[in-house]
Amino acid sequence: MANQTLKPAAFSGRKKRKSTRTQQRRSGTKKSARGGSTLLSSLVKALIYIVVILIVSVFAAYFVISRANDAFAFVKDGAEATLVIDEGIDVNELASALKENGIIKYPSMFKLYVKIKGKSTDYVGGEYVLNPSMNYDKIIRTLARSTEVDRTTVVAVIPEGYTVTQIVNRLVKNYGLSSEQELYTAIQSYPFDFWFVKELDNLPADSKYRTARTFRLEGYLYPDTYYFFSDASAETIIY
């Protein structure tokens, strides 16, 4: 009778130990699943954070670069525009007029630049030929009263058959415009917004059409009578 009582007790102990081990395994599996889920969630959050940082960085870089390019004219193309301003125009009206004529893109940036730099706001009324390739300093100097005496109109005549070298020499030596180095730099490397210039620049460096040319814009500088301001930039003259 005693044996019969002990056997069920021993069996019950083994069953309990097996049950405990099974529960431990299940608990470990659940913890492992929860740990894996937490790790995956952390990775997803980290990835989202990185993507957001990259997007914000791209937009911030574009914001800074675009406005710096507008102010300092690192790479700007566009046609010249004739701007007529009234005597005593203020910086707000001037910035709007420059924007409307395609000379600048960000009027608020122009006004801030004028304020920070303490540039003259006493502009001379009249008709001006401006180019988007001009930086803010150049625009202000062109329109400011301090340049009224210095700015004169130069009538430059380029005869037919002149080579690039002859044209540059004539502009500098006969008319006192720009300098040889600046004119040659504009001719050779300035990104003028013309289809034929883009085609020239897209040709392979070893193409016969490029290697046969001494100067990049050789054959594209048209003989004519031109009217320049005495302080015109090399890019404006060649344009």
C-alpha atoms as a PDB file:
ATOM      1  CA  MET A   1       0.000   0.000   0.000  1.00  0.00           C
ATOM      2  CA  ALA A   2       2.966   2.270   0.768  1.00  0.00           C
ATOM      3  CA  ASN A   3       4.507   1.538  -2.672  1.00  0.00           C
ATOM      4  CA  GLN A   4       1.305   2.424  -4.403  1.00  0.00           C
ATOM      5  CA  THR A   5       1.261   5.771  -2.606  1.00  0.00           C
ATOM      6  CA  LEU A   6       4.902   6.672  -3.532  1.00  0.00           C
ATOM      7  CA  LYS A   7       4.710   5.922  -7.259  1.00  0.00           C
ATOM      8  CA  PRO A   8       2.108   8.545  -8.144  1.00  0.00           C
ATOM      9  CA  ALA A   9       4.058  11.080  -6.060  1.00  0.00           C
ATOM     10  CA  ALA A  10       7.338  10.361  -7.935  1.00  0.00           C
ATOM     11  CA  PHE A  11       5.584  10.512 -11.298  1.00  0.00           C
ATOM     12  CA  SER A  12       3.967  13.805 -10.350  1.00  0.00           C
ATOM     13  CA  GLY A  13       7.415  15.292  -9.498  1.00  0.00           C
ATOM     14  CA  ARG A  14       8.861  14.301 -12.874  1.00  0.00           C
ATOM     15  CA  LYS A  15       5.845  15.753 -14.641  1.00  0.00           C
ATOM     16  CA  LYS A  16       6.220  19.015 -12.754  1.00  0.00           C
ATOM     17  CA  ARG A  17       9.928  19.257 -13.657  1.00  0.00           C
ATOM     18  CA  LYS A  18       9.118  18.612 -17.322  1.00  0.00           C
ATOM     19  CA  SER A  19       6.359  21.189 -17.199  1.00  0.00           C
ATOM     20  CA  THR A  20       8.719  23.753 -15.634  1.00  0.00           C
ATOM     21  CA  ARG A  21      11.351  23.149 -18.324  1.00  0.00           C
ATOM     22  CA  THR A  22       8.711  23.522 -21.040  1.00  0.00           C
ATOM     23  CA  GLN A  23       7.518  26.804 -19.559  1.00  0.00           C
ATOM     24  CA  GLN A  24      11.111  28.034 -19.355  1.00  0.00           C
ATOM     25  CA  ARG A  25      11.647  27.212 -23.024  1.00  0.00           C
ATOM     26  CA  ARG A  26       8.458  29.003 -24.015  1.00  0.00           C
ATOM     27  CA  SER A  27       9.395  32.004 -21.867  1.00  0.00           C
ATOM     28  CA  GLY A  28      12.840  32.109 -23.481  1.00  0.00           C
ATOM     29  CA  THR A  29      11.270  31.921 -26.927  1.00  0.00           C
ATOM     30  CA  LYS A  30       8.934  34.780 -26.102  1.00  0.00           C
ATOM     31  CA  LYS A  31      11.804  36.883 -24.712  1.00  0.00           C
ATOM     32  CA  SER A  32      13.850  36.153 -27.833  1.00  0.00           C
ATOM     33  CA  ALA A  33      10.935  37.171 -30.048  1.00  0.00           C
ATOM     34  CA  ARG A  34      10.430  40.332 -28.055  1.00  0.00           C
ATOM     35  CA  GLY A  35      14.166  41.081 -28.244  1.00  0.00           C
ATOM     36  CA  GLY A  36      14.185  40.555 -32.019  1.00  0.00           C
ATOM     37  CA  SER A  37      11.140  42.758 -32.419  1.00  0.00           C
ATOM     38  CA  THR A  38      12.768  45.500 -30.326  1.00  0.00           C
ATOM     39  CA  LEU A  39      15.979  45.317 -32.363  1.00  0.00           C
ATOM     40  CA  LEU A  40      14.041  45.525 -35.652  1.00  0.00           C
ATOM     41  CA  SER A  41      12.062  48.474 -34.344  1.00  0.00           C
ATOM     42  CA  SER A  42      15.285  50.243 -33.342  1.00  0.00           C
ATOM     43  CA  LEU A  43      16.792  49.643 -36.773  1.00  0.00           C
ATOM     44  CA  VAL A  44      13.699  51.025 -38.505  1.00  0.00           C
ATOM     45  CA  LYS A  45      13.763  54.119 -36.305  1.00  0.00           C
ATOM     46  CA  ALA A  46      17.473  54.622 -36.969  1.00  0.00           C
ATOM     47  CA  LEU A  47      16.902  54.273 -40.714  1.00  0.00           C
ATOM     48  CA  ILE A  48      14.040  56.783 -40.636  1.00  0.00           C
ATOM     49  CA  TYR A  49      16.205  59.188 -38.625  1.00  0.00           C
ATOM     50  CA  ILE A  50      19.060  58.915 -41.156  1.00  0.00           C
ATOM     51  CA  VAL A  51      16.706  59.480 -44.105  1.00  0.00           C
ATOM     52  CA  VAL A  52      15.173  62.544 -42.425  1.00  0.00           C
ATOM     53  CA  ILE A  53      18.645  63.962 -41.692  1.00  0.00           C
ATOM     54  CA  LEU A  54      19.702  63.440 -45.327  1.00  0.00           C
ATOM     55  CA  ILE A  55      16.556  65.107 -46.682  1.00  0.00           C
ATOM     56  CA  VAL A  56      16.943  68.080 -44.333  1.00  0.00           C
ATOM     57  CA  SER A  57      20.644  68.357 -45.249  1.00  0.00           C
ATOM     58  CA  VAL A  58      19.885  68.358 -48.973  1.00  0.00           C
ATOM     59  CA  PHE A  59      17.254  71.069 -48.614  1.00  0.00           C
ATOM     60  CA  ALA A  60      19.514  73.128 -46.345  1.00  0.00           C
ATOM     61  CA  ALA A  61      22.424  72.812 -48.783  1.00  0.00           C
ATOM     62  CA  TYR A  62      20.217  73.807 -51.722  1.00  0.00           C
ATOM     63  CA  PHE A  63      18.888  76.789 -49.770  1.00  0.00           C
ATOM     64  CA  VAL A  64      22.375  78.034 -48.897  1.00  0.00           C
ATOM     65  CA  ILE A  65      23.996  77.331 -52.276  1.00  0.00           C
ATOM     66  CA  SER A  66      21.201  78.856 -54.360  1.00  0.00           C
ATOM     67  CA  ARG A  67      21.232  82.081 -52.371  1.00  0.00           C
ATOM     68  CA  ALA A  68      25.009  82.283 -52.283  1.00  0.00           C
ATOM     69  CA  ASN A  69      25.074  81.797 -56.055  1.00  0.00           C
ATOM     70  CA  ASP A  70      22.516  84.577 -56.470  1.00  0.00           C
ATOM     71  CA  ALA A  71      24.613  86.942 -54.317  1.00  0.00           C
ATOM     72  CA  PHE A  72      28.080  86.103 -55.633  1.00  0.00           C
ATOM     73  CA  ALA A  73      27.242  84.930 -59.189  1.00  0.00           C
ATOM     74  CA  PHE A  74      29.349  81.760 -59.109  1.00  0.00           C
ATOM     75  CA  VAL A  75      27.404  80.175 -61.978  1.00  0.00           C
ATOM     76  CA  LYS A  76      24.605  82.284 -63.434  1.00  0.00           C
ATOM     77  CA  ASP A  77      23.308  82.510 -66.967  1.00  0.00           C
ATOM     78  CA  GLY A  78      20.711  84.672 -68.629  1.00  0.00           C
ATOM     79  CA  ALA A  79      20.109  87.425 -71.117  1.00  0.00           C
ATOM     80  CA  GLU A  80      20.917  91.040 -70.434  1.00  0.00           C
ATOM     81  CA  ALA A  81      18.013  93.225 -69.376  1.00  0.00           C
ATOM     82  CA  THR A  82      17.489  96.966 -69.624  1.00  0.00           C
ATOM     83  CA  LEU A  83      16.419  98.330 -66.274  1.00  0.00           C
ATOM     84  CA  VAL A  84      14.948 101.817 -65.887  1.00  0.00           C
ATOM     85  CA  ILE A  85      14.955 103.151 -62.341  1.00  0.00           C
ATOM     86  CA  ASP A  86      13.629 106.396 -60.921  1.00  0.00           C
ATOM     87  CA  GLU A  87      15.765 108.862 -59.014  1.00  0.00           C
ATOM     88  CA  GLY A  88      15.639 108.175 -55.283  1.00  0.00           C
ATOM     89  CA  ILE A  89      14.407 104.575 -55.626  1.00  0.00           C
ATOM     90  CA  ASP A  90      14.677 102.667 -52.333  1.00  0.00           C
ATOM     91  CA  VAL A  91      16.156  99.211 -51.846  1.00  0.00           C
ATOM     92  CA  ASN A  92      12.742  97.484 -51.636  1.00  0.00           C
ATOM     93  CA  GLU A  93      11.630  98.858 -55.007  1.00  0.00           C
ATOM     94  CA  LEU A  94      15.035  98.155 -56.530  1.00  0.00           C
ATOM     95  CA  ALA A  95      15.058  94.540 -55.340  1.00  0.00           C
ATOM     96  CA  SER A  96      11.585  93.985 -56.821  1.00  0.00           C
ATOM     97  CA  ALA A  97      12.625  95.539 -60.142  1.00  0.00           C
ATOM     98  CA  LEU A  98      15.755  93.372 -60.311  1.00  0.00           C
ATOM     99  CA  LYS A  99      13.661  90.267 -59.629  1.00  0.00           C
ATOM    100  CA  GLU A 100      11.062  91.160 -62.275  1.00  0.00           C
ATOM    101  CA  ASN A 101      13.793  91.663 -64.881  1.00  0.00           C
ATOM    102  CA  GLY A 102      15.503  88.358 -64.103  1.00  0.00           C
ATOM    103  CA  ILE A 103      18.700  89.889 -62.713  1.00  0.00           C
ATOM    104  CA  ILE A 104      18.326  88.336 -59.248  1.00  0.00           C
ATOM    105  CA  LYS A 105      16.159  85.541 -57.844  1.00  0.00           C
ATOM    106  CA  TYR A 106      15.852  86.442 -54.185  1.00  0.00           C
ATOM    107  CA  PRO A 107      14.871  90.072 -53.423  1.00  0.00           C
ATOM    108  CA  SER A 108      14.907  89.439 -49.659  1.00  0.00           C
ATOM    109  CA  MET A 109      18.491  88.160 -49.923  1.00  0.00           C
ATOM    110  CA  PHE A 110      19.495  91.269 -51.897  1.00  0.00           C
ATOM    111  CA  LYS A 111      17.961  93.585 -49.282  1.00  0.00           C
ATOM    112  CA  LEU A 112      19.664  91.682 -46.457  1.00  0.00           C
ATOM    113  CA  TYR A 113      22.995  91.877 -48.296  1.00  0.00           C
ATOM    114  CA  VAL A 114      22.658  95.646 -48.729  1.00  0.00           C
ATOM    115  CA  LYS A 115      21.819  96.037 -45.038  1.00  0.00           C
ATOM    116  CA  ILE A 116      24.664  93.848 -43.758  1.00  0.00           C
ATOM    117  CA  LYS A 117      27.273  95.306 -46.086  1.00  0.00           C
ATOM    118  CA  GLY A 118      26.143  98.870 -45.447  1.00  0.00           C
ATOM    119  CA  LYS A 119      26.141  99.557 -49.160  1.00  0.00           C
ATOM    120  CA  SER A 120      25.014 102.851 -50.633  1.00  0.00           C
ATOM    121  CA  THR A 121      21.278 103.161 -51.128  1.00  0.00           C
ATOM    122  CA  ASP A 122      21.561 106.450 -53.045  1.00  0.00           C
ATOM    123  CA  TYR A 123      20.950 105.102 -56.538  1.00  0.00           C
ATOM    124  CA  VAL A 124      21.173 107.127 -59.734  1.00  0.00           C
ATOM    125  CA  GLY A 125      17.999 107.206 -61.810  1.00  0.00           C
ATOM    126  CA  GLY A 126      18.357 106.238 -65.446  1.00  0.00           C
ATOM    127  CA  GLU A 127      18.517 103.346 -67.893  1.00  0.00           C
ATOM    128  CA  TYR A 128      20.929 100.505 -67.196  1.00  0.00           C
ATOM    129  CA  VAL A 129      21.897  97.300 -68.982  1.00  0.00           C
ATOM    130  CA  LEU A 130      22.373  94.564 -66.387  1.00  0.00           C
ATOM    131  CA  ASN A 131      23.225  90.882 -66.608  1.00  0.00           C
ATOM    132  CA  PRO A 132      22.347  87.992 -64.254  1.00  0.00           C
ATOM    133  CA  SER A 133      26.066  87.101 -64.224  1.00  0.00           C
ATOM    134  CA  MET A 134      26.701  90.251 -62.176  1.00  0.00           C
ATOM    135  CA  ASN A 135      27.049  89.696 -58.435  1.00  0.00           C
ATOM    136  CA  TYR A 136      25.327  91.921 -55.879  1.00  0.00           C
ATOM    137  CA  ASP A 137      28.393  94.123 -55.413  1.00  0.00           C
ATOM    138  CA  LYS A 138      28.631  94.723 -59.153  1.00  0.00           C
ATOM    139  CA  ILE A 139      24.931  95.591 -59.395  1.00  0.00           C
ATOM    140  CA  ILE A 140      25.168  98.025 -56.502  1.00  0.00           C
ATOM    141  CA  ARG A 141      28.330  99.673 -57.865  1.00  0.00           C
ATOM    142  CA  THR A 142      26.661 100.054 -61.249  1.00  0.00           C
ATOM    143  CA  LEU A 143      23.610 101.790 -59.812  1.00  0.00           C
ATOM    144  CA  ALA A 144      25.131 103.699 -56.896  1.00  0.00           C
ATOM    145  CA  ARG A 145      25.736 107.444 -57.090  1.00  0.00           C
ATOM    146  CA  SER A 146      29.430 106.952 -56.300  1.00  0.00           C
ATOM    147  CA  THR A 147      29.942 105.530 -59.795  1.00  0.00           C
ATOM    148  CA  GLU A 148      28.055 108.263 -61.640  1.00  0.00           C
ATOM    149  CA  VAL A 149      31.234 110.145 -62.611  1.00  0.00           C
ATOM    150  CA  ASP A 150      33.198 107.012 -63.481  1.00  0.00           C
ATOM    151  CA  ARG A 151      30.581 105.379 -65.693  1.00  0.00           C
ATOM    152  CA  THR A 152      30.893 106.461 -69.302  1.00  0.00           C
ATOM    153  CA  THR A 153      29.719 104.852 -72.513  1.00  0.00           C
ATOM    154  CA  VAL A 154      32.401 103.391 -74.766  1.00  0.00           C
ATOM    155  CA  VAL A 155      31.649 102.900 -78.457  1.00  0.00           C
ATOM    156  CA  ALA A 156      33.710  99.923 -79.618  1.00  0.00           C
ATOM    157  CA  VAL A 157      33.999  99.020 -83.295  1.00  0.00           C
ATOM    158  CA  ILE A 158      35.050  95.467 -84.187  1.00  0.00           C
ATOM    159  CA  PRO A 159      36.056  95.257 -87.887  1.00  0.00           C
ATOM    160  CA  GLU A 160      35.246  92.247 -90.049  1.00  0.00           C
ATOM    161  CA  GLY A 161      37.866  89.541 -90.284  1.00  0.00           C
ATOM    162  CA  TYR A 162      39.381  90.191 -86.860  1.00  0.00           C
ATOM    163  CA  THR A 163      40.714  87.189 -84.979  1.00  0.00           C
ATOM    164  CA  VAL A 164      40.007  86.589 -81.311  1.00  0.00           C
ATOM    165  CA  THR A 165      43.445  87.917 -80.404  1.00  0.00           C
ATOM    166  CA  GLN A 166      42.903  91.087 -82.435  1.00  0.00           C
ATOM    167  CA  ILE A 167      39.463  91.631 -80.885  1.00  0.00           C
ATOM    168  CA  VAL A 168      40.810  91.263 -77.346  1.00  0.00           C
ATOM    169  CA  ASN A 169      43.748  93.580 -78.047  1.00  0.00           C
ATOM    170  CA  ARG A 170      41.447  96.195 -79.566  1.00  0.00           C
ATOM    171  CA  LEU A 171      38.993  96.091 -76.647  1.00  0.00           C
ATOM    172  CA  VAL A 172      41.748  96.481 -74.067  1.00  0.00           C
ATOM    173  CA  LYS A 173      44.252  98.776 -75.781  1.00  0.00           C
ATOM    174  CA  ASN A 174      41.983 100.928 -77.938  1.00  0.00           C
ATOM    175  CA  TYR A 175      38.969 101.205 -75.631  1.00  0.00           C
ATOM    176  CA  GLY A 176      40.322 100.433 -72.160  1.00  0.00           C
ATOM    177  CA  LEU A 177      37.738  97.731 -71.535  1.00  0.00           C
ATOM    178  CA  SER A 178      38.377  94.968 -68.972  1.00  0.00           C
ATOM    179  CA  SER A 179      41.720  93.146 -69.273  1.00  0.00           C
ATOM    180  CA  GLU A 180      43.221  90.562 -71.618  1.00  0.00           C
ATOM    181  CA  GLN A 181      43.264  87.867 -68.955  1.00  0.00           C
ATOM    182  CA  GLU A 182      39.615  88.376 -67.970  1.00  0.00           C
ATOM    183  CA  LEU A 183      38.460  88.487 -71.597  1.00  0.00           C
ATOM    184  CA  TYR A 184      40.348  85.321 -72.501  1.00  0.00           C
ATOM    185  CA  THR A 185      38.946  83.566 -69.418  1.00  0.00           C
ATOM    186  CA  ALA A 186      35.403  84.520 -70.433  1.00  0.00           C
ATOM    187  CA  ILE A 187      36.014  83.340 -74.002  1.00  0.00           C
ATOM    188  CA  GLN A 188      37.564  80.038 -72.967  1.00  0.00           C
ATOM    189  CA  SER A 189      35.515  78.920 -69.991  1.00  0.00           C
ATOM    190  CA  TYR A 190      32.492  81.074 -69.096  1.00  0.00           C
ATOM    191  CA  PRO A 191      29.251  78.990 -69.371  1.00  0.00           C
ATOM    192  CA  PHE A 192      27.324  81.251 -71.769  1.00  0.00           C
ATOM    193  CA  ASP A 193      23.723  80.134 -72.233  1.00  0.00           C
ATOM    194  CA  PHE A 194      23.813  79.599 -76.016  1.00  0.00           C
ATOM    195  CA  TRP A 195      23.079  76.333 -77.786  1.00  0.00           C
ATOM    196  CA  PHE A 196      26.246  76.456 -79.885  1.00  0.00           C
ATOM    197  CA  VAL A 197      28.428  77.024 -76.819  1.00  0.00           C
ATOM    198  CA  LYS A 198      26.822  74.029 -75.097  1.00  0.00           C
ATOM    199  CA  GLU A 199      27.455  71.913 -78.215  1.00  0.00           C
ATOM    200  CA  LEU A 200      31.092  73.008 -78.251  1.00  0.00           C
ATOM    201  CA  ASP A 201      31.536  72.159 -74.579  1.00  0.00           C
ATOM    202  CA  ASN A 202      29.908  68.745 -75.033  1.00  0.00           C
ATOM    203  CA  LEU A 203      32.313  67.694 -77.796  1.00  0.00           C
ATOM    204  CA  PRO A 204      35.049  65.218 -76.809  1.00  0.00           C
ATOM    205  CA  ALA A 205      38.315  66.904 -75.873  1.00  0.00           C
ATOM    206  CA  ASP A 206      40.123  65.099 -78.700  1.00  0.00           C
ATOM    207  CA  SER A 207      37.536  65.886 -81.405  1.00  0.00           C
ATOM    208  CA  LYS A 208      38.984  67.507 -84.515  1.00  0.00           C
ATOM    209  CA  TYR A 209      36.533  70.405 -84.283  1.00  0.00           C
ATOM    210  CA  ARG A 210      37.897  71.301 -80.845  1.00  0.00           C
ATOM    211  CA  THR A 211      41.576  70.602 -81.357  1.00  0.00           C
ATOM    212  CA  ALA A 212      41.607  72.636 -84.583  1.00  0.00           C
ATOM    213  CA  ARG A 213      40.398  75.735 -82.726  1.00  0.00           C
ATOM    214  CA  THR A 214      42.837  78.043 -80.969  1.00  0.00           C
ATOM    215  CA  PHE A 215      40.058  79.658 -78.945  1.00  0.00           C
ATOM    216  CA  ARG A 216      36.743  78.214 -77.766  1.00  0.00           C
ATOM    217  CA  LEU A 217      34.580  81.016 -79.227  1.00  0.00           C
ATOM    218  CA  GLU A 218      36.640  81.520 -82.350  1.00  0.00           C
ATOM    219  CA  GLY A 219      34.269  82.397 -85.193  1.00  0.00           C
ATOM    220  CA  TYR A 220      31.415  83.370 -82.867  1.00  0.00           C
ATOM    221  CA  LEU A 221      32.470  86.916 -81.964  1.00  0.00           C
ATOM    222  CA  TYR A 222      30.489  89.066 -84.386  1.00  0.00           C
ATOM    223  CA  PRO A 223      32.031  92.181 -85.995  1.00  0.00           C
ATOM    224  CA  ASP A 224      29.851  95.210 -85.263  1.00  0.00           C
ATOM    225  CA  THR A 225      29.646  98.503 -83.379  1.00  0.00           C
ATOM    226  CA  TYR A 226      28.992  97.953 -79.671  1.00  0.00           C
ATOM    227  CA  TYR A 227      28.130 100.257 -76.788  1.00  0.00           C
ATOM    228  CA  PHE A 228      29.606  99.339 -73.420  1.00  0.00           C
ATOM    229  CA  PHE A 229      29.845 100.990 -70.040  1.00  0.00           C
ATOM    230  CA  SER A 230      33.484 101.668 -69.202  1.00  0.00           C
ATOM    231  CA  ASP A 231      33.290  99.334 -66.188  1.00  0.00           C
ATOM    232  CA  ALA A 232      31.561  96.479 -68.047  1.00  0.00           C
ATOM    233  CA  SER A 233      32.696  93.005 -66.958  1.00  0.00           C
ATOM    234  CA  ALA A 234      34.537  90.706 -69.358  1.00  0.00           C
ATOM    235  CA  GLU A 235      31.567  88.303 -69.378  1.00  0.00           C
ATOM    236  CA  THR A 236      29.151  91.113 -70.316  1.00  0.00           C
ATOM    237  CA  ILE A 237      31.438  92.330 -73.124  1.00  0.00           C
ATOM    238  CA  ILE A 238      31.869  88.867 -74.659  1.00  0.00           C
ATOM    239  CA  TYR A 239      28.166  88.092 -74.194  1.00  0.00           C
END
